[in-house]
Structure formats: C-alpha cells, structure tokens
C-alpha cells in the first residue's frame, strides 16, 4: 500500500501500522471484515459490452470500479494487458482509496494497430486481497473513406 501522507510504499503486511518514512498512523487503513469477490466490480463506463475502435486512432474510454462493501478499500490497482495488435498508452491504474458504497473511474487510452476482434484484460488487485479479472472486447475497423 502507499502512505496517504507522503506517498511512499509501505509493505502490505499486518505488522506495519505506521509509515516507515513519515510516521503516519496507518492502522485505520486496514480492511475490516472478510474479503468477498462481490466487494468490487469493474466495468467500462457506460456499461458497454464491446468497444468499437478505429484502426491507428487513439481510443479513450473509462474503466470504473465500484465498491459494494461497507468499508473503504485501499490501494486498488488495475493492470491492463492485451495482444500486440493493440498498443496500450495506459496500462496501470492506481486508486489510493475507494470509499464505501462508491464508484470511481479512470481513463484508459489505446491505439489498435490491426483490424479484427481483440480482447484486453484488466486485472484488479487490492491491499485487502481482492483479485478480479475483467475482459474487454475490442472490435477494430478501418476508417471509412468517403
């Protein structure tokens, strides 16, 4: 996890209650309760099932993460990966905290370099132990010339 005061990395273990760099009390940053798969949801803003993208054109879309739990969840990371036919201009998103019963989103930018149907994978991890994988279908077409 990261210290909310100075931003330094703090080991993800139960022995660290204070930031080793600035001394900030981190005890309240620990997730309380069991880790449930249903605590977090990840989707594309607009709830689209597939994205239509144009060849060699930057496509920007937002990934949203919803916290369904009654606790704030800290240090949520989303790692994006995909086939070599799709250049990822942003491949990692970090949310320092997602409040209880709230939703947060972040932009993703890609450039498809070939036409076809491709799948991106968004793997979500949290300091509380959540692990989710969300697949994003891309349908890449060549621009129509008029």
N, C-alpha and C. Protein backbone atom coordinates (compact mmCIF):
# COMPACT_ATOMS: atom_id res chain seq x y z
N UNK A 1 0.83 -1.17 0.00
CA UNK A 1 0.00 0.00 0.00
C UNK A 1 0.88 1.24 0.00
N UNK A 2 0.28 2.39 -0.19
CA UNK A 2 1.01 3.64 -0.21
C UNK A 2 0.54 4.53 0.93
N UNK A 3 1.47 5.25 1.52
CA UNK A 3 1.13 6.17 2.61
C UNK A 3 0.34 7.34 2.02
N UNK A 4 -0.83 7.66 2.59
CA UNK A 4 -1.63 8.76 2.06
C UNK A 4 -1.02 10.14 2.35
N UNK A 5 -0.07 10.19 3.29
CA UNK A 5 0.53 11.48 3.64
C UNK A 5 1.74 11.81 2.77
N UNK A 6 2.69 10.85 2.62
CA UNK A 6 3.91 11.16 1.88
C UNK A 6 4.03 10.39 0.57
N UNK A 7 3.14 9.40 0.34
CA UNK A 7 3.13 8.66 -0.90
C UNK A 7 4.13 7.53 -1.01
N UNK A 8 4.90 7.29 0.05
CA UNK A 8 5.90 6.22 -0.02
C UNK A 8 5.24 4.85 0.08
N UNK A 9 5.91 3.86 -0.46
CA UNK A 9 5.40 2.49 -0.44
C UNK A 9 5.56 1.91 0.96
N UNK A 10 4.51 1.24 1.45
CA UNK A 10 4.52 0.60 2.76
C UNK A 10 4.25 -0.89 2.52
N UNK A 11 5.06 -1.78 3.10
CA UNK A 11 4.84 -3.22 2.90
C UNK A 11 3.41 -3.63 3.26
N UNK A 12 2.84 -4.51 2.43
CA UNK A 12 1.48 -5.00 2.67
C UNK A 12 1.51 -6.16 3.65
N UNK A 13 1.69 -5.86 4.92
CA UNK A 13 1.62 -6.91 5.93
C UNK A 13 0.96 -6.34 7.18
N UNK A 14 0.59 -7.21 8.08
CA UNK A 14 -0.15 -6.79 9.27
C UNK A 14 0.74 -6.16 10.34
N UNK A 15 2.07 -6.16 10.14
CA UNK A 15 2.97 -5.63 11.16
C UNK A 15 3.22 -4.14 11.02
N UNK A 16 2.86 -3.55 9.90
CA UNK A 16 3.14 -2.13 9.67
C UNK A 16 1.91 -1.29 9.98
N UNK A 17 1.91 -0.62 11.13
CA UNK A 17 0.81 0.27 11.50
C UNK A 17 1.18 1.73 11.25
N UNK A 18 2.46 1.99 10.94
CA UNK A 18 2.93 3.35 10.72
C UNK A 18 3.79 3.37 9.47
N UNK A 19 3.76 4.50 8.76
CA UNK A 19 4.63 4.69 7.59
C UNK A 19 6.07 4.76 8.09
N UNK A 20 6.96 4.00 7.45
CA UNK A 20 8.36 3.98 7.86
C UNK A 20 9.08 5.27 7.50
N UNK A 21 8.52 6.04 6.57
CA UNK A 21 9.18 7.28 6.13
C UNK A 21 8.74 8.49 6.95
N UNK A 22 7.41 8.68 7.11
CA UNK A 22 6.93 9.89 7.78
C UNK A 22 6.26 9.63 9.14
N UNK A 23 5.99 8.36 9.45
CA UNK A 23 5.41 8.02 10.75
C UNK A 23 3.90 8.08 10.83
N UNK A 24 3.21 8.36 9.71
CA UNK A 24 1.74 8.45 9.69
C UNK A 24 1.13 7.14 10.20
N UNK A 25 0.12 7.24 11.07
CA UNK A 25 -0.58 6.07 11.57
C UNK A 25 -1.44 5.49 10.45
N UNK A 26 -1.19 4.23 10.09
CA UNK A 26 -1.89 3.57 9.00
C UNK A 26 -2.88 2.54 9.50
N UNK A 27 -3.07 2.43 10.79
CA UNK A 27 -3.92 1.37 11.35
C UNK A 27 -5.32 1.40 10.78
N UNK A 28 -5.90 2.57 10.58
CA UNK A 28 -7.26 2.65 10.07
C UNK A 28 -7.34 2.28 8.59
N UNK A 29 -6.21 2.11 7.93
CA UNK A 29 -6.18 1.79 6.51
C UNK A 29 -6.40 0.31 6.24
N UNK A 30 -6.46 -0.48 7.29
CA UNK A 30 -6.64 -1.91 7.10
C UNK A 30 -8.10 -2.24 6.85
N UNK A 31 -8.34 -3.14 5.92
CA UNK A 31 -9.69 -3.57 5.57
C UNK A 31 -10.26 -4.37 6.71
N UNK A 32 -11.45 -4.05 7.12
CA UNK A 32 -12.09 -4.77 8.22
C UNK A 32 -13.16 -5.70 7.65
N UNK A 33 -13.09 -6.97 7.98
CA UNK A 33 -14.08 -7.93 7.51
C UNK A 33 -13.50 -8.87 6.48
N UNK A 34 -14.25 -9.88 6.12
CA UNK A 34 -13.76 -10.85 5.14
C UNK A 34 -13.71 -10.24 3.74
N UNK A 35 -12.78 -10.72 2.94
CA UNK A 35 -12.66 -10.27 1.56
C UNK A 35 -13.64 -11.09 0.72
N UNK A 36 -14.60 -10.41 0.10
CA UNK A 36 -15.59 -11.07 -0.73
C UNK A 36 -15.39 -10.67 -2.18
N UNK A 37 -15.57 -11.61 -3.08
CA UNK A 37 -15.44 -11.33 -4.50
C UNK A 37 -16.42 -10.24 -4.93
N UNK A 38 -17.58 -10.19 -4.27
CA UNK A 38 -18.62 -9.22 -4.64
C UNK A 38 -18.36 -7.81 -4.09
N UNK A 39 -17.28 -7.62 -3.30
CA UNK A 39 -16.97 -6.30 -2.75
C UNK A 39 -16.72 -5.29 -3.86
N UNK A 40 -16.06 -5.72 -4.93
CA UNK A 40 -15.67 -4.82 -6.00
C UNK A 40 -16.22 -5.29 -7.33
N UNK A 41 -16.56 -4.33 -8.19
CA UNK A 41 -16.98 -4.61 -9.56
C UNK A 41 -16.15 -3.72 -10.47
N UNK A 42 -15.80 -4.24 -11.64
CA UNK A 42 -15.07 -3.44 -12.61
C UNK A 42 -15.82 -3.53 -13.94
N UNK A 43 -15.94 -2.39 -14.63
CA UNK A 43 -16.66 -2.37 -15.90
C UNK A 43 -16.20 -1.17 -16.72
N UNK A 44 -16.71 -1.09 -17.94
CA UNK A 44 -16.45 0.07 -18.79
C UNK A 44 -17.55 1.08 -18.50
N UNK A 45 -17.17 2.35 -18.34
CA UNK A 45 -18.18 3.38 -18.11
C UNK A 45 -19.15 3.38 -19.27
N UNK A 46 -20.43 3.39 -18.98
CA UNK A 46 -21.46 3.28 -20.00
C UNK A 46 -21.93 1.84 -20.14
N UNK A 47 -21.29 0.93 -19.39
CA UNK A 47 -21.65 -0.50 -19.36
C UNK A 47 -21.70 -1.12 -20.75
N UNK A 48 -20.81 -0.70 -21.63
CA UNK A 48 -20.74 -1.29 -22.97
C UNK A 48 -20.15 -2.69 -22.88
N UNK A 49 -20.67 -3.59 -23.72
CA UNK A 49 -20.14 -4.95 -23.74
C UNK A 49 -18.91 -5.06 -24.63
N UNK A 50 -18.84 -4.26 -25.67
CA UNK A 50 -17.69 -4.25 -26.58
C UNK A 50 -17.44 -2.82 -27.02
N UNK A 51 -16.20 -2.53 -27.35
CA UNK A 51 -15.84 -1.19 -27.82
C UNK A 51 -15.53 -1.24 -29.30
N UNK A 52 -16.13 -0.33 -30.04
CA UNK A 52 -15.82 -0.17 -31.45
C UNK A 52 -14.68 0.84 -31.55
N UNK A 53 -13.58 0.42 -32.18
CA UNK A 53 -12.42 1.29 -32.30
C UNK A 53 -11.98 1.36 -33.75
N UNK A 54 -11.29 2.45 -34.11
CA UNK A 54 -10.81 2.63 -35.47
C UNK A 54 -9.31 2.39 -35.53
N UNK A 55 -8.90 1.77 -36.60
CA UNK A 55 -7.50 1.44 -36.83
C UNK A 55 -6.61 2.68 -36.72
N UNK A 56 -5.50 2.54 -36.00
CA UNK A 56 -4.48 3.59 -35.84
C UNK A 56 -5.03 4.91 -35.29
N UNK A 57 -6.08 4.84 -34.52
CA UNK A 57 -6.70 6.02 -33.92
C UNK A 57 -6.75 5.82 -32.41
N UNK A 58 -6.36 6.85 -31.66
CA UNK A 58 -6.41 6.73 -30.20
C UNK A 58 -7.86 6.59 -29.75
N UNK A 59 -8.12 5.59 -28.94
CA UNK A 59 -9.44 5.38 -28.35
C UNK A 59 -9.30 5.59 -26.85
N UNK A 60 -10.11 6.48 -26.31
CA UNK A 60 -10.12 6.74 -24.88
C UNK A 60 -11.44 6.24 -24.31
N UNK A 61 -11.37 5.49 -23.23
CA UNK A 61 -12.58 5.05 -22.52
C UNK A 61 -12.25 5.01 -21.03
N UNK A 62 -13.28 4.97 -20.21
CA UNK A 62 -13.09 4.96 -18.76
C UNK A 62 -13.41 3.59 -18.19
N UNK A 63 -12.53 3.12 -17.33
CA UNK A 63 -12.80 1.93 -16.53
C UNK A 63 -13.36 2.41 -15.20
N UNK A 64 -14.43 1.80 -14.75
CA UNK A 64 -14.97 2.20 -13.45
C UNK A 64 -14.91 1.02 -12.49
N UNK A 65 -14.61 1.35 -11.24
CA UNK A 65 -14.54 0.36 -10.18
C UNK A 65 -15.56 0.78 -9.12
N UNK A 66 -16.42 -0.16 -8.77
CA UNK A 66 -17.47 0.11 -7.78
C UNK A 66 -17.17 -0.70 -6.52
N UNK A 67 -17.20 -0.02 -5.39
CA UNK A 67 -17.01 -0.67 -4.09
C UNK A 67 -18.39 -0.93 -3.50
N UNK A 68 -18.77 -2.19 -3.42
CA UNK A 68 -20.07 -2.57 -2.89
C UNK A 68 -20.05 -2.81 -1.38
N UNK A 69 -18.87 -2.77 -0.78
CA UNK A 69 -18.75 -3.10 0.64
C UNK A 69 -19.06 -1.89 1.53
N UNK A 70 -19.11 -2.14 2.82
CA UNK A 70 -19.35 -1.08 3.80
C UNK A 70 -18.05 -0.47 4.31
N UNK A 71 -16.93 -0.86 3.72
CA UNK A 71 -15.61 -0.38 4.12
C UNK A 71 -14.92 0.32 2.95
N UNK A 72 -14.07 1.27 3.27
CA UNK A 72 -13.19 1.84 2.25
C UNK A 72 -12.16 0.78 1.89
N UNK A 73 -11.86 0.66 0.61
CA UNK A 73 -10.84 -0.29 0.16
C UNK A 73 -9.68 0.52 -0.39
N UNK A 74 -8.48 0.22 0.11
CA UNK A 74 -7.29 0.99 -0.22
C UNK A 74 -6.40 0.28 -1.23
N UNK A 75 -5.58 1.07 -1.90
CA UNK A 75 -4.55 0.57 -2.83
C UNK A 75 -5.12 -0.42 -3.83
N UNK A 76 -6.06 0.04 -4.62
CA UNK A 76 -6.64 -0.77 -5.68
C UNK A 76 -5.84 -0.50 -6.95
N UNK A 77 -5.30 -1.58 -7.53
CA UNK A 77 -4.50 -1.45 -8.75
C UNK A 77 -5.19 -2.22 -9.87
N UNK A 78 -5.21 -1.64 -11.05
CA UNK A 78 -5.75 -2.31 -12.23
C UNK A 78 -4.62 -2.36 -13.26
N UNK A 79 -4.21 -3.57 -13.61
CA UNK A 79 -3.17 -3.78 -14.62
C UNK A 79 -3.84 -4.21 -15.92
N UNK A 80 -3.55 -3.50 -17.00
CA UNK A 80 -4.13 -3.82 -18.30
C UNK A 80 -3.11 -4.54 -19.16
N UNK A 81 -3.59 -5.53 -19.89
CA UNK A 81 -2.74 -6.23 -20.84
C UNK A 81 -3.58 -6.58 -22.06
N UNK A 82 -2.91 -6.85 -23.15
CA UNK A 82 -3.61 -7.18 -24.38
C UNK A 82 -2.66 -7.72 -25.42
N UNK A 83 -3.20 -8.05 -26.58
CA UNK A 83 -2.37 -8.61 -27.65
C UNK A 83 -1.47 -7.54 -28.26
N UNK A 84 -0.43 -7.95 -28.98
CA UNK A 84 0.49 -6.98 -29.58
C UNK A 84 -0.16 -6.09 -30.65
N UNK A 85 -1.34 -6.47 -31.13
CA UNK A 85 -2.03 -5.66 -32.15
C UNK A 85 -2.66 -4.40 -31.56
N UNK A 86 -2.65 -4.28 -30.22
CA UNK A 86 -3.24 -3.12 -29.55
C UNK A 86 -2.18 -2.48 -28.65
N UNK A 87 -1.80 -1.24 -28.96
CA UNK A 87 -0.84 -0.52 -28.13
C UNK A 87 -1.57 0.09 -26.94
N UNK A 88 -1.10 -0.20 -25.74
CA UNK A 88 -1.70 0.35 -24.52
C UNK A 88 -0.92 1.60 -24.12
N UNK A 89 -1.57 2.76 -24.20
CA UNK A 89 -0.92 4.00 -23.80
C UNK A 89 -0.99 4.19 -22.29
N UNK A 90 -1.92 3.52 -21.66
CA UNK A 90 -2.01 3.49 -20.20
C UNK A 90 -2.26 2.03 -19.83
N UNK A 91 -1.35 1.45 -19.06
CA UNK A 91 -1.50 0.03 -18.74
C UNK A 91 -1.60 -0.25 -17.25
N UNK A 92 -1.59 0.80 -16.43
CA UNK A 92 -1.75 0.59 -14.99
C UNK A 92 -2.49 1.77 -14.39
N UNK A 93 -3.48 1.45 -13.58
CA UNK A 93 -4.28 2.47 -12.89
C UNK A 93 -4.19 2.18 -11.40
N UNK A 94 -3.97 3.21 -10.60
CA UNK A 94 -3.91 3.03 -9.15
C UNK A 94 -4.92 3.97 -8.51
N UNK A 95 -5.80 3.39 -7.70
CA UNK A 95 -6.74 4.17 -6.89
C UNK A 95 -6.26 4.05 -5.44
N UNK A 96 -5.91 5.15 -4.80
CA UNK A 96 -5.42 5.08 -3.42
C UNK A 96 -6.51 4.61 -2.47
N UNK A 97 -7.76 5.02 -2.73
CA UNK A 97 -8.86 4.60 -1.87
C UNK A 97 -10.17 4.70 -2.64
N UNK A 98 -11.04 3.73 -2.40
CA UNK A 98 -12.40 3.77 -2.96
C UNK A 98 -13.33 3.67 -1.76
N UNK A 99 -14.07 4.73 -1.53
CA UNK A 99 -14.95 4.80 -0.37
C UNK A 99 -16.04 3.74 -0.39
N UNK A 100 -16.58 3.47 0.80
CA UNK A 100 -17.66 2.51 0.95
C UNK A 100 -18.83 2.90 0.06
N UNK A 101 -19.38 1.93 -0.65
CA UNK A 101 -20.57 2.13 -1.50
C UNK A 101 -20.38 3.24 -2.52
N UNK A 102 -19.17 3.38 -3.07
CA UNK A 102 -18.94 4.43 -4.06
C UNK A 102 -18.29 3.86 -5.32
N UNK A 103 -18.28 4.68 -6.36
CA UNK A 103 -17.72 4.29 -7.65
C UNK A 103 -16.69 5.34 -8.07
N UNK A 104 -15.61 4.89 -8.68
CA UNK A 104 -14.56 5.77 -9.15
C UNK A 104 -14.15 5.30 -10.54
N UNK A 105 -13.70 6.21 -11.38
CA UNK A 105 -13.30 5.79 -12.73
C UNK A 105 -11.99 6.45 -13.12
N UNK A 106 -11.35 5.87 -14.14
CA UNK A 106 -10.08 6.40 -14.64
C UNK A 106 -10.02 6.16 -16.14
N UNK A 107 -9.37 7.07 -16.87
CA UNK A 107 -9.28 6.93 -18.33
C UNK A 107 -8.23 5.91 -18.75
N UNK A 108 -8.52 5.24 -19.85
CA UNK A 108 -7.59 4.31 -20.49
C UNK A 108 -7.48 4.76 -21.95
N UNK A 109 -6.26 4.73 -22.49
CA UNK A 109 -6.06 5.10 -23.89
C UNK A 109 -5.32 3.98 -24.61
N UNK A 110 -5.83 3.63 -25.79
CA UNK A 110 -5.23 2.57 -26.59
C UNK A 110 -5.16 3.01 -28.05
N UNK A 111 -4.32 2.32 -28.82
CA UNK A 111 -4.28 2.52 -30.27
C UNK A 111 -4.27 1.13 -30.92
N UNK A 112 -5.35 0.75 -31.59
CA UNK A 112 -5.35 -0.53 -32.30
C UNK A 112 -4.51 -0.42 -33.57
N UNK A 113 -3.64 -1.39 -33.80
CA UNK A 113 -2.71 -1.33 -34.93
C UNK A 113 -3.06 -2.31 -36.04
N UNK A 114 -4.11 -3.11 -35.85
CA UNK A 114 -4.61 -4.03 -36.87
C UNK A 114 -6.12 -4.11 -36.74
N UNK A 115 -6.80 -4.45 -37.83
CA UNK A 115 -8.24 -4.65 -37.76
C UNK A 115 -8.51 -6.06 -37.23
N UNK A 116 -9.69 -6.22 -36.63
CA UNK A 116 -10.08 -7.52 -36.09
C UNK A 116 -10.76 -7.37 -34.74
N UNK A 117 -10.98 -8.50 -34.09
CA UNK A 117 -11.59 -8.52 -32.77
C UNK A 117 -10.51 -8.96 -31.78
N UNK A 118 -10.28 -8.14 -30.75
CA UNK A 118 -9.22 -8.39 -29.78
C UNK A 118 -9.79 -8.30 -28.37
N UNK A 119 -9.09 -8.89 -27.43
CA UNK A 119 -9.52 -8.86 -26.03
C UNK A 119 -8.43 -8.26 -25.16
N UNK A 120 -8.80 -7.25 -24.38
CA UNK A 120 -7.92 -6.70 -23.36
C UNK A 120 -8.31 -7.32 -22.03
N UNK A 121 -7.36 -7.45 -21.15
CA UNK A 121 -7.61 -7.99 -19.81
C UNK A 121 -7.27 -6.92 -18.78
N UNK A 122 -8.19 -6.67 -17.86
CA UNK A 122 -7.96 -5.74 -16.76
C UNK A 122 -7.96 -6.56 -15.47
N UNK A 123 -6.79 -6.67 -14.84
CA UNK A 123 -6.69 -7.43 -13.60
C UNK A 123 -6.66 -6.46 -12.44
N UNK A 124 -7.61 -6.61 -11.51
CA UNK A 124 -7.74 -5.73 -10.36
C UNK A 124 -7.20 -6.44 -9.13
N UNK A 125 -6.39 -5.73 -8.36
CA UNK A 125 -5.85 -6.23 -7.09
C UNK A 125 -6.01 -5.15 -6.04
N UNK A 126 -6.28 -5.54 -4.78
CA UNK A 126 -6.35 -4.56 -3.69
C UNK A 126 -5.47 -5.03 -2.54
N UNK A 127 -5.17 -4.10 -1.61
CA UNK A 127 -4.34 -4.49 -0.47
C UNK A 127 -5.11 -5.39 0.49
N UNK A 128 -6.42 -5.48 0.34
CA UNK A 128 -7.22 -6.37 1.19
C UNK A 128 -7.25 -7.80 0.65
N UNK A 129 -6.72 -8.01 -0.57
CA UNK A 129 -6.68 -9.36 -1.12
C UNK A 129 -7.68 -9.62 -2.24
N UNK A 130 -8.35 -8.59 -2.71
CA UNK A 130 -9.28 -8.77 -3.83
C UNK A 130 -8.50 -9.04 -5.12
N UNK A 131 -9.00 -9.95 -5.93
CA UNK A 131 -8.44 -10.23 -7.25
C UNK A 131 -9.59 -10.45 -8.21
N UNK A 132 -9.67 -9.62 -9.24
CA UNK A 132 -10.72 -9.74 -10.25
C UNK A 132 -10.09 -9.60 -11.63
N UNK A 133 -10.66 -10.27 -12.61
CA UNK A 133 -10.23 -10.09 -13.99
C UNK A 133 -11.45 -9.72 -14.81
N UNK A 134 -11.31 -8.65 -15.60
CA UNK A 134 -12.38 -8.16 -16.45
C UNK A 134 -11.87 -8.15 -17.87
N UNK A 135 -12.61 -8.76 -18.79
CA UNK A 135 -12.21 -8.82 -20.19
C UNK A 135 -12.96 -7.76 -21.00
N UNK A 136 -12.25 -7.09 -21.88
CA UNK A 136 -12.80 -6.01 -22.70
C UNK A 136 -12.65 -6.41 -24.16
N UNK A 137 -13.76 -6.52 -24.85
CA UNK A 137 -13.72 -6.88 -26.27
C UNK A 137 -13.60 -5.62 -27.11
N UNK A 138 -12.61 -5.63 -28.02
CA UNK A 138 -12.41 -4.52 -28.95
C UNK A 138 -12.73 -5.01 -30.36
N UNK A 139 -13.50 -4.23 -31.07
CA UNK A 139 -13.79 -4.52 -32.48
C UNK A 139 -13.17 -3.39 -33.29
N UNK A 140 -12.06 -3.72 -33.93
CA UNK A 140 -11.30 -2.69 -34.66
C UNK A 140 -11.64 -2.75 -36.14
N UNK A 141 -12.02 -1.60 -36.67
CA UNK A 141 -12.36 -1.46 -38.09
C UNK A 141 -11.47 -0.39 -38.71
N UNK A 142 -11.27 -0.50 -40.01
CA UNK A 142 -10.56 0.55 -40.74
C UNK A 142 -11.51 1.73 -40.91
N UNK A 143 -10.98 2.96 -40.87
CA UNK A 143 -11.85 4.14 -41.09
C UNK A 143 -12.48 4.08 -42.49
N UNK A 144 -13.72 4.51 -42.57
CA UNK A 144 -14.41 4.54 -43.88
C UNK A 144 -13.99 5.79 -44.64
N UNK A 145 -13.62 5.60 -45.88
CA UNK A 145 -13.21 6.72 -46.73
C UNK A 145 -14.40 7.13 -47.59
N UNK A 146 -14.73 8.40 -47.53
CA UNK A 146 -15.89 8.90 -48.27
C UNK A 146 -15.43 9.66 -49.49
